[in-house]
């Protein structure tokens, strides 16, 4: 609310985010284990 005679603060994003479907491809660049791959799945 207004305090001490000041106007209410504002915020504004002229370029907000994006929405929709995204497809990702994760490729190993070095040898990695199945445990590391499964770990990424758990993180996601």
ModelCIF file with pLDDT and N, C-alpha, C, O atoms, coordinates in Angstrom:
data_MODEL
#
_entry.id   MODEL 
#
_entity.id                         1 
_entity.type                       polymer 
_entity.pdbx_number_of_molecules   1 
#
_entity_poly.entity_id                      1 
_entity_poly.type                           'polypeptide(L)' 
_entity_poly.nstd_linkage                   no 
_entity_poly.nstd_monomer                   no 
_entity_poly.pdbx_seq_one_letter_code       
;(UNK)(UNK)(UNK)(UNK)(UNK)(UNK)(UNK)(UNK)(UNK)(UNK)(UNK)(UNK)(UNK)(UNK)(UNK)(UNK)
(UNK)(UNK)(UNK)(UNK)(UNK)(UNK)(UNK)(UNK)(UNK)(UNK)(UNK)(UNK)(UNK)(UNK)(UNK)(UNK)
(UNK)(UNK)(UNK)(UNK)(UNK)(UNK)(UNK)(UNK)(UNK)(UNK)(UNK)(UNK)
;
_entity_poly.pdbx_seq_one_letter_code_can   XXXXXXXXXXXXXXXXXXXXXXXXXXXXXXXXXXXXXXXXXXXX 
_entity_poly.pdbx_strand_id                 A 
#
loop_
_entity_poly_seq.entity_id 
_entity_poly_seq.num 
_entity_poly_seq.mon_id 
_entity_poly_seq.hetero 
1 1  UNK n 
1 2  UNK n 
1 3  UNK n 
1 4  UNK n 
1 5  UNK n 
1 6  UNK n 
1 7  UNK n 
1 8  UNK n 
1 9  UNK n 
1 10 UNK n 
1 11 UNK n 
1 12 UNK n 
1 13 UNK n 
1 14 UNK n 
1 15 UNK n 
1 16 UNK n 
1 17 UNK n 
1 18 UNK n 
1 19 UNK n 
1 20 UNK n 
1 21 UNK n 
1 22 UNK n 
1 23 UNK n 
1 24 UNK n 
1 25 UNK n 
1 26 UNK n 
1 27 UNK n 
1 28 UNK n 
1 29 UNK n 
1 30 UNK n 
1 31 UNK n 
1 32 UNK n 
1 33 UNK n 
1 34 UNK n 
1 35 UNK n 
1 36 UNK n 
1 37 UNK n 
1 38 UNK n 
1 39 UNK n 
1 40 UNK n 
1 41 UNK n 
1 42 UNK n 
1 43 UNK n 
1 44 UNK n 
#
_struct_asym.id          A 
_struct_asym.entity_id   1 
#
loop_
_ma_qa_metric.id 
_ma_qa_metric.mode 
_ma_qa_metric.name 
_ma_qa_metric.software_group_id 
_ma_qa_metric.type 
1 global pLDDT . pLDDT 
2 local  pLDDT . pLDDT 
#
_ma_qa_metric_global.metric_id      1 
_ma_qa_metric_global.metric_value   73.48 
_ma_qa_metric_global.model_id       1 
_ma_qa_metric_global.ordinal_id     1 
#
loop_
_ma_qa_metric_local.label_asym_id 
_ma_qa_metric_local.label_comp_id 
_ma_qa_metric_local.label_seq_id 
_ma_qa_metric_local.metric_id 
_ma_qa_metric_local.metric_value 
_ma_qa_metric_local.model_id 
_ma_qa_metric_local.ordinal_id 
A UNK 1  2 41.00 1 1  
A UNK 2  2 45.00 1 2  
A UNK 3  2 47.00 1 3  
A UNK 4  2 49.00 1 4  
A UNK 5  2 53.00 1 5  
A UNK 6  2 55.00 1 6  
A UNK 7  2 53.00 1 7  
A UNK 8  2 48.00 1 8  
A UNK 9  2 45.00 1 9  
A UNK 10 2 48.00 1 10 
A UNK 11 2 47.00 1 11 
A UNK 12 2 49.00 1 12 
A UNK 13 2 53.00 1 13 
A UNK 14 2 53.00 1 14 
A UNK 15 2 57.00 1 15 
A UNK 16 2 74.00 1 16 
A UNK 17 2 82.00 1 17 
A UNK 18 2 87.00 1 18 
A UNK 19 2 89.00 1 19 
A UNK 20 2 91.00 1 20 
A UNK 21 2 92.00 1 21 
A UNK 22 2 93.00 1 22 
A UNK 23 2 93.00 1 23 
A UNK 24 2 92.00 1 24 
A UNK 25 2 93.00 1 25 
A UNK 26 2 90.00 1 26 
A UNK 27 2 90.00 1 27 
A UNK 28 2 87.00 1 28 
A UNK 29 2 86.00 1 29 
A UNK 30 2 78.00 1 30 
A UNK 31 2 77.00 1 31 
A UNK 32 2 79.00 1 32 
A UNK 33 2 78.00 1 33 
A UNK 34 2 80.00 1 34 
A UNK 35 2 80.00 1 35 
A UNK 36 2 81.00 1 36 
A UNK 37 2 83.00 1 37 
A UNK 38 2 84.00 1 38 
A UNK 39 2 84.00 1 39 
A UNK 40 2 88.00 1 40 
A UNK 41 2 88.00 1 41 
A UNK 42 2 89.00 1 42 
A UNK 43 2 91.00 1 43 
A UNK 44 2 91.00 1 44 
#
loop_
_atom_site.group_PDB 
_atom_site.id 
_atom_site.type_symbol 
_atom_site.label_atom_id 
_atom_site.label_alt_id 
_atom_site.label_comp_id 
_atom_site.label_asym_id 
_atom_site.label_entity_id 
_atom_site.label_seq_id 
_atom_site.pdbx_PDB_ins_code 
_atom_site.Cartn_x 
_atom_site.Cartn_y 
_atom_site.Cartn_z 
_atom_site.occupancy 
_atom_site.B_iso_or_equiv 
_atom_site.pdbx_formal_charge 
_atom_site.auth_seq_id 
_atom_site.auth_comp_id 
_atom_site.auth_asym_id 
_atom_site.auth_atom_id 
_atom_site.pdbx_PDB_model_num 
ATOM 1   N N  . UNK A 1 1  ? 0.841  -1.190  0.000   1.00 41.00 ? 1  UNK A N  1 
ATOM 2   C CA . UNK A 1 1  ? 0.000  0.000   0.000   1.00 41.00 ? 1  UNK A CA 1 
ATOM 3   C C  . UNK A 1 1  ? 0.883  1.249   0.000   1.00 41.00 ? 1  UNK A C  1 
ATOM 4   O O  . UNK A 1 1  ? 2.095  1.150   0.187   1.00 41.00 ? 1  UNK A O  1 
ATOM 5   N N  . UNK A 1 2  ? 0.291  2.401   -0.205  1.00 45.00 ? 2  UNK A N  1 
ATOM 6   C CA . UNK A 1 2  ? 1.050  3.650   -0.167  1.00 45.00 ? 2  UNK A CA 1 
ATOM 7   C C  . UNK A 1 2  ? 1.585  3.869   1.244   1.00 45.00 ? 2  UNK A C  1 
ATOM 8   O O  . UNK A 1 2  ? 0.853  3.724   2.223   1.00 45.00 ? 2  UNK A O  1 
ATOM 9   N N  . UNK A 1 3  ? 2.858  4.218   1.340   1.00 47.00 ? 3  UNK A N  1 
ATOM 10  C CA . UNK A 1 3  ? 3.445  4.498   2.642   1.00 47.00 ? 3  UNK A CA 1 
ATOM 11  C C  . UNK A 1 3  ? 4.225  5.808   2.577   1.00 47.00 ? 3  UNK A C  1 
ATOM 12  O O  . UNK A 1 3  ? 4.936  6.068   1.606   1.00 47.00 ? 3  UNK A O  1 
ATOM 13  N N  . UNK A 1 4  ? 4.093  6.609   3.589   1.00 49.00 ? 4  UNK A N  1 
ATOM 14  C CA . UNK A 1 4  ? 4.858  7.843   3.709   1.00 49.00 ? 4  UNK A CA 1 
ATOM 15  C C  . UNK A 1 4  ? 4.692  8.732   2.481   1.00 49.00 ? 4  UNK A C  1 
ATOM 16  O O  . UNK A 1 4  ? 5.634  9.405   2.061   1.00 49.00 ? 4  UNK A O  1 
ATOM 17  N N  . UNK A 1 5  ? 3.502  8.730   1.914   1.00 53.00 ? 5  UNK A N  1 
ATOM 18  C CA . UNK A 1 5  ? 3.215  9.607   0.785   1.00 53.00 ? 5  UNK A CA 1 
ATOM 19  C C  . UNK A 1 5  ? 3.803  9.144   -0.537  1.00 53.00 ? 5  UNK A C  1 
ATOM 20  O O  . UNK A 1 5  ? 3.685  9.849   -1.539  1.00 53.00 ? 5  UNK A O  1 
ATOM 21  N N  . UNK A 1 6  ? 4.435  7.973   -0.564  1.00 55.00 ? 6  UNK A N  1 
ATOM 22  C CA . UNK A 1 6  ? 5.025  7.483   -1.811  1.00 55.00 ? 6  UNK A CA 1 
ATOM 23  C C  . UNK A 1 6  ? 3.995  6.668   -2.588  1.00 55.00 ? 6  UNK A C  1 
ATOM 24  O O  . UNK A 1 6  ? 3.088  6.078   -2.001  1.00 55.00 ? 6  UNK A O  1 
ATOM 25  N N  . UNK A 1 7  ? 4.139  6.641   -3.889  1.00 53.00 ? 7  UNK A N  1 
ATOM 26  C CA . UNK A 1 7  ? 3.224  5.837   -4.696  1.00 53.00 ? 7  UNK A CA 1 
ATOM 27  C C  . UNK A 1 7  ? 3.588  4.362   -4.592  1.00 53.00 ? 7  UNK A C  1 
ATOM 28  O O  . UNK A 1 7  ? 4.700  4.003   -4.207  1.00 53.00 ? 7  UNK A O  1 
ATOM 29  N N  . UNK A 1 8  ? 2.633  3.528   -4.939  1.00 48.00 ? 8  UNK A N  1 
ATOM 30  C CA . UNK A 1 8  ? 2.852  2.086   -4.892  1.00 48.00 ? 8  UNK A CA 1 
ATOM 31  C C  . UNK A 1 8  ? 3.936  1.679   -5.878  1.00 48.00 ? 8  UNK A C  1 
ATOM 32  O O  . UNK A 1 8  ? 3.867  2.067   -7.045  1.00 48.00 ? 8  UNK A O  1 
ATOM 33  N N  . UNK A 1 9  ? 4.949  0.899   -5.447  1.00 45.00 ? 9  UNK A N  1 
ATOM 34  C CA . UNK A 1 9  ? 6.008  0.480   -6.381  1.00 45.00 ? 9  UNK A CA 1 
ATOM 35  C C  . UNK A 1 9  ? 5.447  -0.416  -7.480  1.00 45.00 ? 9  UNK A C  1 
ATOM 36  O O  . UNK A 1 9  ? 4.417  -1.066  -7.300  1.00 45.00 ? 9  UNK A O  1 
ATOM 37  N N  . UNK A 1 10 ? 6.131  -0.445  -8.611  1.00 48.00 ? 10 UNK A N  1 
ATOM 38  C CA . UNK A 1 10 ? 5.736  -1.279  -9.746  1.00 48.00 ? 10 UNK A CA 1 
ATOM 39  C C  . UNK A 1 10 ? 6.927  -2.099  -10.202 1.00 48.00 ? 10 UNK A C  1 
ATOM 40  O O  . UNK A 1 10 ? 8.076  -1.702  -10.010 1.00 48.00 ? 10 UNK A O  1 
ATOM 41  N N  . UNK A 1 11 ? 6.648  -3.252  -10.811 1.00 47.00 ? 11 UNK A N  1 
ATOM 42  C CA . UNK A 1 11 ? 7.681  -3.949  -11.569 1.00 47.00 ? 11 UNK A CA 1 
ATOM 43  C C  . UNK A 1 11 ? 7.110  -4.286  -12.925 1.00 47.00 ? 11 UNK A C  1 
ATOM 44  O O  . UNK A 1 11 ? 5.899  -4.444  -13.077 1.00 47.00 ? 11 UNK A O  1 
ATOM 45  N N  . UNK A 1 12 ? 7.987  -4.395  -13.918 1.00 49.00 ? 12 UNK A N  1 
ATOM 46  C CA . UNK A 1 12 ? 7.527  -4.586  -15.283 1.00 49.00 ? 12 UNK A CA 1 
ATOM 47  C C  . UNK A 1 12 ? 8.571  -5.371  -16.062 1.00 49.00 ? 12 UNK A C  1 
ATOM 48  O O  . UNK A 1 12 ? 9.747  -5.005  -16.067 1.00 49.00 ? 12 UNK A O  1 
ATOM 49  N N  . UNK A 1 13 ? 8.151  -6.451  -16.722 1.00 53.00 ? 13 UNK A N  1 
ATOM 50  C CA . UNK A 1 13 ? 9.035  -7.217  -17.584 1.00 53.00 ? 13 UNK A CA 1 
ATOM 51  C C  . UNK A 1 13 ? 8.588  -7.018  -19.024 1.00 53.00 ? 13 UNK A C  1 
ATOM 52  O O  . UNK A 1 13 ? 7.573  -7.584  -19.432 1.00 53.00 ? 13 UNK A O  1 
ATOM 53  N N  . UNK A 1 14 ? 9.323  -6.225  -19.806 1.00 53.00 ? 14 UNK A N  1 
ATOM 54  C CA . UNK A 1 14 ? 8.904  -6.031  -21.200 1.00 53.00 ? 14 UNK A CA 1 
ATOM 55  C C  . UNK A 1 14 ? 9.082  -7.289  -22.039 1.00 53.00 ? 14 UNK A C  1 
ATOM 56  O O  . UNK A 1 14 ? 8.454  -7.426  -23.088 1.00 53.00 ? 14 UNK A O  1 
ATOM 57  N N  . UNK A 1 15 ? 9.929  -8.208  -21.590 1.00 57.00 ? 15 UNK A N  1 
ATOM 58  C CA . UNK A 1 15 ? 10.157 -9.443  -22.339 1.00 57.00 ? 15 UNK A CA 1 
ATOM 59  C C  . UNK A 1 15 ? 10.083 -10.627 -21.381 1.00 57.00 ? 15 UNK A C  1 
ATOM 60  O O  . UNK A 1 15 ? 11.121 -11.124 -20.943 1.00 57.00 ? 15 UNK A O  1 
ATOM 61  N N  . UNK A 1 16 ? 8.885  -11.088 -21.047 1.00 74.00 ? 16 UNK A N  1 
ATOM 62  C CA . UNK A 1 16 ? 8.784  -12.247 -20.165 1.00 74.00 ? 16 UNK A CA 1 
ATOM 63  C C  . UNK A 1 16 ? 9.171  -13.542 -20.883 1.00 74.00 ? 16 UNK A C  1 
ATOM 64  O O  . UNK A 1 16 ? 9.694  -13.509 -21.997 1.00 74.00 ? 16 UNK A O  1 
ATOM 65  N N  . UNK A 1 17 ? 8.915  -14.666 -20.243 1.00 82.00 ? 17 UNK A N  1 
ATOM 66  C CA . UNK A 1 17 ? 9.379  -15.947 -20.773 1.00 82.00 ? 17 UNK A CA 1 
ATOM 67  C C  . UNK A 1 17 ? 8.583  -16.478 -21.954 1.00 82.00 ? 17 UNK A C  1 
ATOM 68  O O  . UNK A 1 17 ? 7.811  -15.766 -22.596 1.00 82.00 ? 17 UNK A O  1 
ATOM 69  N N  . UNK A 1 18 ? 8.807  -17.760 -22.211 1.00 87.00 ? 18 UNK A N  1 
ATOM 70  C CA . UNK A 1 18 ? 8.175  -18.433 -23.342 1.00 87.00 ? 18 UNK A CA 1 
ATOM 71  C C  . UNK A 1 18 ? 7.415  -19.651 -22.825 1.00 87.00 ? 18 UNK A C  1 
ATOM 72  O O  . UNK A 1 18 ? 7.782  -20.250 -21.815 1.00 87.00 ? 18 UNK A O  1 
ATOM 73  N N  . UNK A 1 19 ? 6.343  -20.003 -23.545 1.00 89.00 ? 19 UNK A N  1 
ATOM 74  C CA . UNK A 1 19 ? 5.548  -21.152 -23.146 1.00 89.00 ? 19 UNK A CA 1 
ATOM 75  C C  . UNK A 1 19 ? 5.300  -22.064 -24.333 1.00 89.00 ? 19 UNK A C  1 
ATOM 76  O O  . UNK A 1 19 ? 5.291  -21.626 -25.483 1.00 89.00 ? 19 UNK A O  1 
ATOM 77  N N  . UNK A 1 20 ? 5.096  -23.354 -24.031 1.00 91.00 ? 20 UNK A N  1 
ATOM 78  C CA . UNK A 1 20 ? 4.849  -24.331 -25.089 1.00 91.00 ? 20 UNK A CA 1 
ATOM 79  C C  . UNK A 1 20 ? 5.600  -25.619 -24.830 1.00 91.00 ? 20 UNK A C  1 
ATOM 80  O O  . UNK A 1 20 ? 5.879  -25.955 -23.679 1.00 91.00 ? 20 UNK A O  1 
ATOM 81  N N  . UNK A 1 21 ? 5.930  -26.346 -25.889 1.00 92.00 ? 21 UNK A N  1 
ATOM 82  C CA . UNK A 1 21 ? 6.640  -27.623 -25.801 1.00 92.00 ? 21 UNK A CA 1 
ATOM 83  C C  . UNK A 1 21 ? 8.086  -27.468 -26.248 1.00 92.00 ? 21 UNK A C  1 
ATOM 84  O O  . UNK A 1 21 ? 8.381  -26.772 -27.220 1.00 92.00 ? 21 UNK A O  1 
ATOM 85  N N  . UNK A 1 22 ? 8.981  -28.132 -25.520 1.00 93.00 ? 22 UNK A N  1 
ATOM 86  C CA . UNK A 1 22 ? 10.408 -28.110 -25.846 1.00 93.00 ? 22 UNK A CA 1 
ATOM 87  C C  . UNK A 1 22 ? 10.911 -29.546 -25.850 1.00 93.00 ? 22 UNK A C  1 
ATOM 88  O O  . UNK A 1 22 ? 10.604 -30.318 -24.942 1.00 93.00 ? 22 UNK A O  1 
ATOM 89  N N  . UNK A 1 23 ? 11.681 -29.902 -26.867 1.00 93.00 ? 23 UNK A N  1 
ATOM 90  C CA . UNK A 1 23 ? 12.321 -31.215 -26.900 1.00 93.00 ? 23 UNK A CA 1 
ATOM 91  C C  . UNK A 1 23 ? 13.825 -31.034 -26.748 1.00 93.00 ? 23 UNK A C  1 
ATOM 92  O O  . UNK A 1 23 ? 14.441 -30.232 -27.449 1.00 93.00 ? 23 UNK A O  1 
ATOM 93  N N  . UNK A 1 24 ? 14.410 -31.798 -25.815 1.00 92.00 ? 24 UNK A N  1 
ATOM 94  C CA . UNK A 1 24 ? 15.839 -31.727 -25.527 1.00 92.00 ? 24 UNK A CA 1 
ATOM 95  C C  . UNK A 1 24 ? 16.498 -33.050 -25.870 1.00 92.00 ? 24 UNK A C  1 
ATOM 96  O O  . UNK A 1 24 ? 15.892 -34.113 -25.739 1.00 92.00 ? 24 UNK A O  1 
ATOM 97  N N  . UNK A 1 25 ? 17.740 -32.974 -26.309 1.00 93.00 ? 25 UNK A N  1 
ATOM 98  C CA . UNK A 1 25 ? 18.547 -34.162 -26.540 1.00 93.00 ? 25 UNK A CA 1 
ATOM 99  C C  . UNK A 1 25 ? 19.789 -34.047 -25.669 1.00 93.00 ? 25 UNK A C  1 
ATOM 100 O O  . UNK A 1 25 ? 20.549 -33.084 -25.782 1.00 93.00 ? 25 UNK A O  1 
ATOM 101 N N  . UNK A 1 26 ? 19.995 -35.038 -24.792 1.00 90.00 ? 26 UNK A N  1 
ATOM 102 C CA . UNK A 1 26 ? 21.173 -35.067 -23.924 1.00 90.00 ? 26 UNK A CA 1 
ATOM 103 C C  . UNK A 1 26 ? 22.100 -36.159 -24.440 1.00 90.00 ? 26 UNK A C  1 
ATOM 104 O O  . UNK A 1 26 ? 21.731 -37.332 -24.496 1.00 90.00 ? 26 UNK A O  1 
ATOM 105 N N  . UNK A 1 27 ? 23.316 -35.750 -24.816 1.00 90.00 ? 27 UNK A N  1 
ATOM 106 C CA . UNK A 1 27 ? 24.289 -36.657 -25.415 1.00 90.00 ? 27 UNK A CA 1 
ATOM 107 C C  . UNK A 1 27 ? 25.544 -36.709 -24.555 1.00 90.00 ? 27 UNK A C  1 
ATOM 108 O O  . UNK A 1 27 ? 26.050 -35.660 -24.158 1.00 90.00 ? 27 UNK A O  1 
ATOM 109 N N  . UNK A 1 28 ? 26.066 -37.907 -24.253 1.00 87.00 ? 28 UNK A N  1 
ATOM 110 C CA . UNK A 1 28 ? 27.331 -37.979 -23.513 1.00 87.00 ? 28 UNK A CA 1 
ATOM 111 C C  . UNK A 1 28 ? 28.505 -37.562 -24.390 1.00 87.00 ? 28 UNK A C  1 
ATOM 112 O O  . UNK A 1 28 ? 28.590 -37.967 -25.549 1.00 87.00 ? 28 UNK A O  1 
ATOM 113 N N  . UNK A 1 29 ? 29.410 -36.754 -23.844 1.00 86.00 ? 29 UNK A N  1 
ATOM 114 C CA . UNK A 1 29 ? 30.623 -36.351 -24.554 1.00 86.00 ? 29 UNK A CA 1 
ATOM 115 C C  . UNK A 1 29 ? 31.810 -37.201 -24.128 1.00 86.00 ? 29 UNK A C  1 
ATOM 116 O O  . UNK A 1 29 ? 32.828 -37.244 -24.818 1.00 86.00 ? 29 UNK A O  1 
ATOM 117 N N  . UNK A 1 30 ? 31.679 -37.879 -22.990 1.00 78.00 ? 30 UNK A N  1 
ATOM 118 C CA . UNK A 1 30 ? 32.686 -38.812 -22.490 1.00 78.00 ? 30 UNK A CA 1 
ATOM 119 C C  . UNK A 1 30 ? 31.943 -40.062 -22.059 1.00 78.00 ? 30 UNK A C  1 
ATOM 120 O O  . UNK A 1 30 ? 30.714 -40.079 -21.995 1.00 78.00 ? 30 UNK A O  1 
ATOM 121 N N  . UNK A 1 31 ? 32.695 -41.101 -21.767 1.00 77.00 ? 31 UNK A N  1 
ATOM 122 C CA . UNK A 1 31 ? 32.058 -42.294 -21.212 1.00 77.00 ? 31 UNK A CA 1 
ATOM 123 C C  . UNK A 1 31 ? 31.411 -41.931 -19.885 1.00 77.00 ? 31 UNK A C  1 
ATOM 124 O O  . UNK A 1 31 ? 32.040 -41.345 -19.004 1.00 77.00 ? 31 UNK A O  1 
ATOM 125 N N  . UNK A 1 32 ? 30.162 -42.287 -19.766 1.00 79.00 ? 32 UNK A N  1 
ATOM 126 C CA . UNK A 1 32 ? 29.511 -42.090 -18.474 1.00 79.00 ? 32 UNK A CA 1 
ATOM 127 C C  . UNK A 1 32 ? 28.687 -43.314 -18.161 1.00 79.00 ? 32 UNK A C  1 
ATOM 128 O O  . UNK A 1 32 ? 28.315 -44.090 -19.041 1.00 79.00 ? 32 UNK A O  1 
ATOM 129 N N  . UNK A 1 33 ? 28.415 -43.462 -16.889 1.00 78.00 ? 33 UNK A N  1 
ATOM 130 C CA . UNK A 1 33 ? 27.764 -44.679 -16.419 1.00 78.00 ? 33 UNK A CA 1 
ATOM 131 C C  . UNK A 1 33 ? 26.250 -44.545 -16.509 1.00 78.00 ? 33 UNK A C  1 
ATOM 132 O O  . UNK A 1 33 ? 25.700 -43.453 -16.656 1.00 78.00 ? 33 UNK A O  1 
ATOM 133 N N  . UNK A 1 34 ? 25.600 -45.703 -16.414 1.00 80.00 ? 34 UNK A N  1 
ATOM 134 C CA . UNK A 1 34 ? 24.135 -45.712 -16.362 1.00 80.00 ? 34 UNK A CA 1 
ATOM 135 C C  . UNK A 1 34 ? 23.648 -44.979 -15.119 1.00 80.00 ? 34 UNK A C  1 
ATOM 136 O O  . UNK A 1 34 ? 22.590 -44.350 -15.130 1.00 80.00 ? 34 UNK A O  1 
ATOM 137 N N  . UNK A 1 35 ? 24.448 -45.068 -14.029 1.00 80.00 ? 35 UNK A N  1 
ATOM 138 C CA . UNK A 1 35 ? 24.073 -44.386 -12.789 1.00 80.00 ? 35 UNK A CA 1 
ATOM 139 C C  . UNK A 1 35 ? 24.023 -42.867 -12.997 1.00 80.00 ? 35 UNK A C  1 
ATOM 140 O O  . UNK A 1 35 ? 23.139 -42.195 -12.465 1.00 80.00 ? 35 UNK A O  1 
ATOM 141 N N  . UNK A 1 36 ? 24.974 -42.329 -13.770 1.00 81.00 ? 36 UNK A N  1 
ATOM 142 C CA . UNK A 1 36 ? 24.957 -40.884 -14.034 1.00 81.00 ? 36 UNK A CA 1 
ATOM 143 C C  . UNK A 1 36 ? 23.751 -40.501 -14.874 1.00 81.00 ? 36 UNK A C  1 
ATOM 144 O O  . UNK A 1 36 ? 23.122 -39.472 -14.629 1.00 81.00 ? 36 UNK A O  1 
ATOM 145 N N  . UNK A 1 37 ? 23.426 -41.323 -15.863 1.00 83.00 ? 37 UNK A N  1 
ATOM 146 C CA . UNK A 1 37 ? 22.259 -41.057 -16.702 1.00 83.00 ? 37 UNK A CA 1 
ATOM 147 C C  . UNK A 1 37 ? 20.983 -41.117 -15.876 1.00 83.00 ? 37 UNK A C  1 
ATOM 148 O O  . UNK A 1 37 ? 20.125 -40.240 -15.981 1.00 83.00 ? 37 UNK A O  1 
ATOM 149 N N  . UNK A 1 38 ? 20.859 -42.166 -15.044 1.00 84.00 ? 38 UNK A N  1 
ATOM 150 C CA . UNK A 1 38 ? 19.682 -42.282 -14.187 1.00 84.00 ? 38 UNK A CA 1 
ATOM 151 C C  . UNK A 1 38 ? 19.628 -41.135 -13.176 1.00 84.00 ? 38 UNK A C  1 
ATOM 152 O O  . UNK A 1 38 ? 18.550 -40.663 -12.815 1.00 84.00 ? 38 UNK A O  1 
ATOM 153 N N  . UNK A 1 39 ? 20.814 -40.690 -12.723 1.00 84.00 ? 39 UNK A N  1 
ATOM 154 C CA . UNK A 1 39 ? 20.871 -39.547 -11.809 1.00 84.00 ? 39 UNK A CA 1 
ATOM 155 C C  . UNK A 1 39 ? 20.294 -38.290 -12.437 1.00 84.00 ? 39 UNK A C  1 
ATOM 156 O O  . UNK A 1 39 ? 19.593 -37.522 -11.777 1.00 84.00 ? 39 UNK A O  1 
ATOM 157 N N  . UNK A 1 40 ? 20.592 -38.081 -13.724 1.00 88.00 ? 40 UNK A N  1 
ATOM 158 C CA . UNK A 1 40 ? 20.016 -36.927 -14.422 1.00 88.00 ? 40 UNK A CA 1 
ATOM 159 C C  . UNK A 1 40 ? 18.500 -37.036 -14.520 1.00 88.00 ? 40 UNK A C  1 
ATOM 160 O O  . UNK A 1 40 ? 17.785 -36.042 -14.389 1.00 88.00 ? 40 UNK A O  1 
ATOM 161 N N  . UNK A 1 41 ? 18.020 -38.254 -14.752 1.00 88.00 ? 41 UNK A N  1 
ATOM 162 C CA . UNK A 1 41 ? 16.570 -38.453 -14.832 1.00 88.00 ? 41 UNK A CA 1 
ATOM 163 C C  . UNK A 1 41 ? 15.905 -38.124 -13.495 1.00 88.00 ? 41 UNK A C  1 
ATOM 164 O O  . UNK A 1 41 ? 14.843 -37.502 -13.454 1.00 88.00 ? 41 UNK A O  1 
ATOM 165 N N  . UNK A 1 42 ? 16.545 -38.552 -12.402 1.00 89.00 ? 42 UNK A N  1 
ATOM 166 C CA . UNK A 1 42 ? 15.999 -38.262 -11.075 1.00 89.00 ? 42 UNK A CA 1 
ATOM 167 C C  . UNK A 1 42 ? 16.004 -36.755 -10.817 1.00 89.00 ? 42 UNK A C  1 
ATOM 168 O O  . UNK A 1 42 ? 15.042 -36.213 -10.271 1.00 89.00 ? 42 UNK A O  1 
ATOM 169 N N  . UNK A 1 43 ? 17.092 -36.077 -11.212 1.00 91.00 ? 43 UNK A N  1 
ATOM 170 C CA . UNK A 1 43 ? 17.172 -34.623 -11.045 1.00 91.00 ? 43 UNK A CA 1 
ATOM 171 C C  . UNK A 1 43 ? 16.031 -33.936 -11.806 1.00 91.00 ? 43 UNK A C  1 
ATOM 172 O O  . UNK A 1 43 ? 15.383 -33.033 -11.278 1.00 91.00 ? 43 UNK A O  1 
ATOM 173 N N  . UNK A 1 44 ? 15.793 -34.366 -13.038 1.00 91.00 ? 44 UNK A N  1 
ATOM 174 C CA . UNK A 1 44 ? 14.695 -33.785 -13.823 1.00 91.00 ? 44 UNK A CA 1 
ATOM 175 C C  . UNK A 1 44 ? 13.347 -34.005 -13.137 1.00 91.00 ? 44 UNK A C  1 
ATOM 176 O O  . UNK A 1 44 ? 12.314 -33.582 -13.656 1.00 91.00 ? 44 UNK A O  1 
#
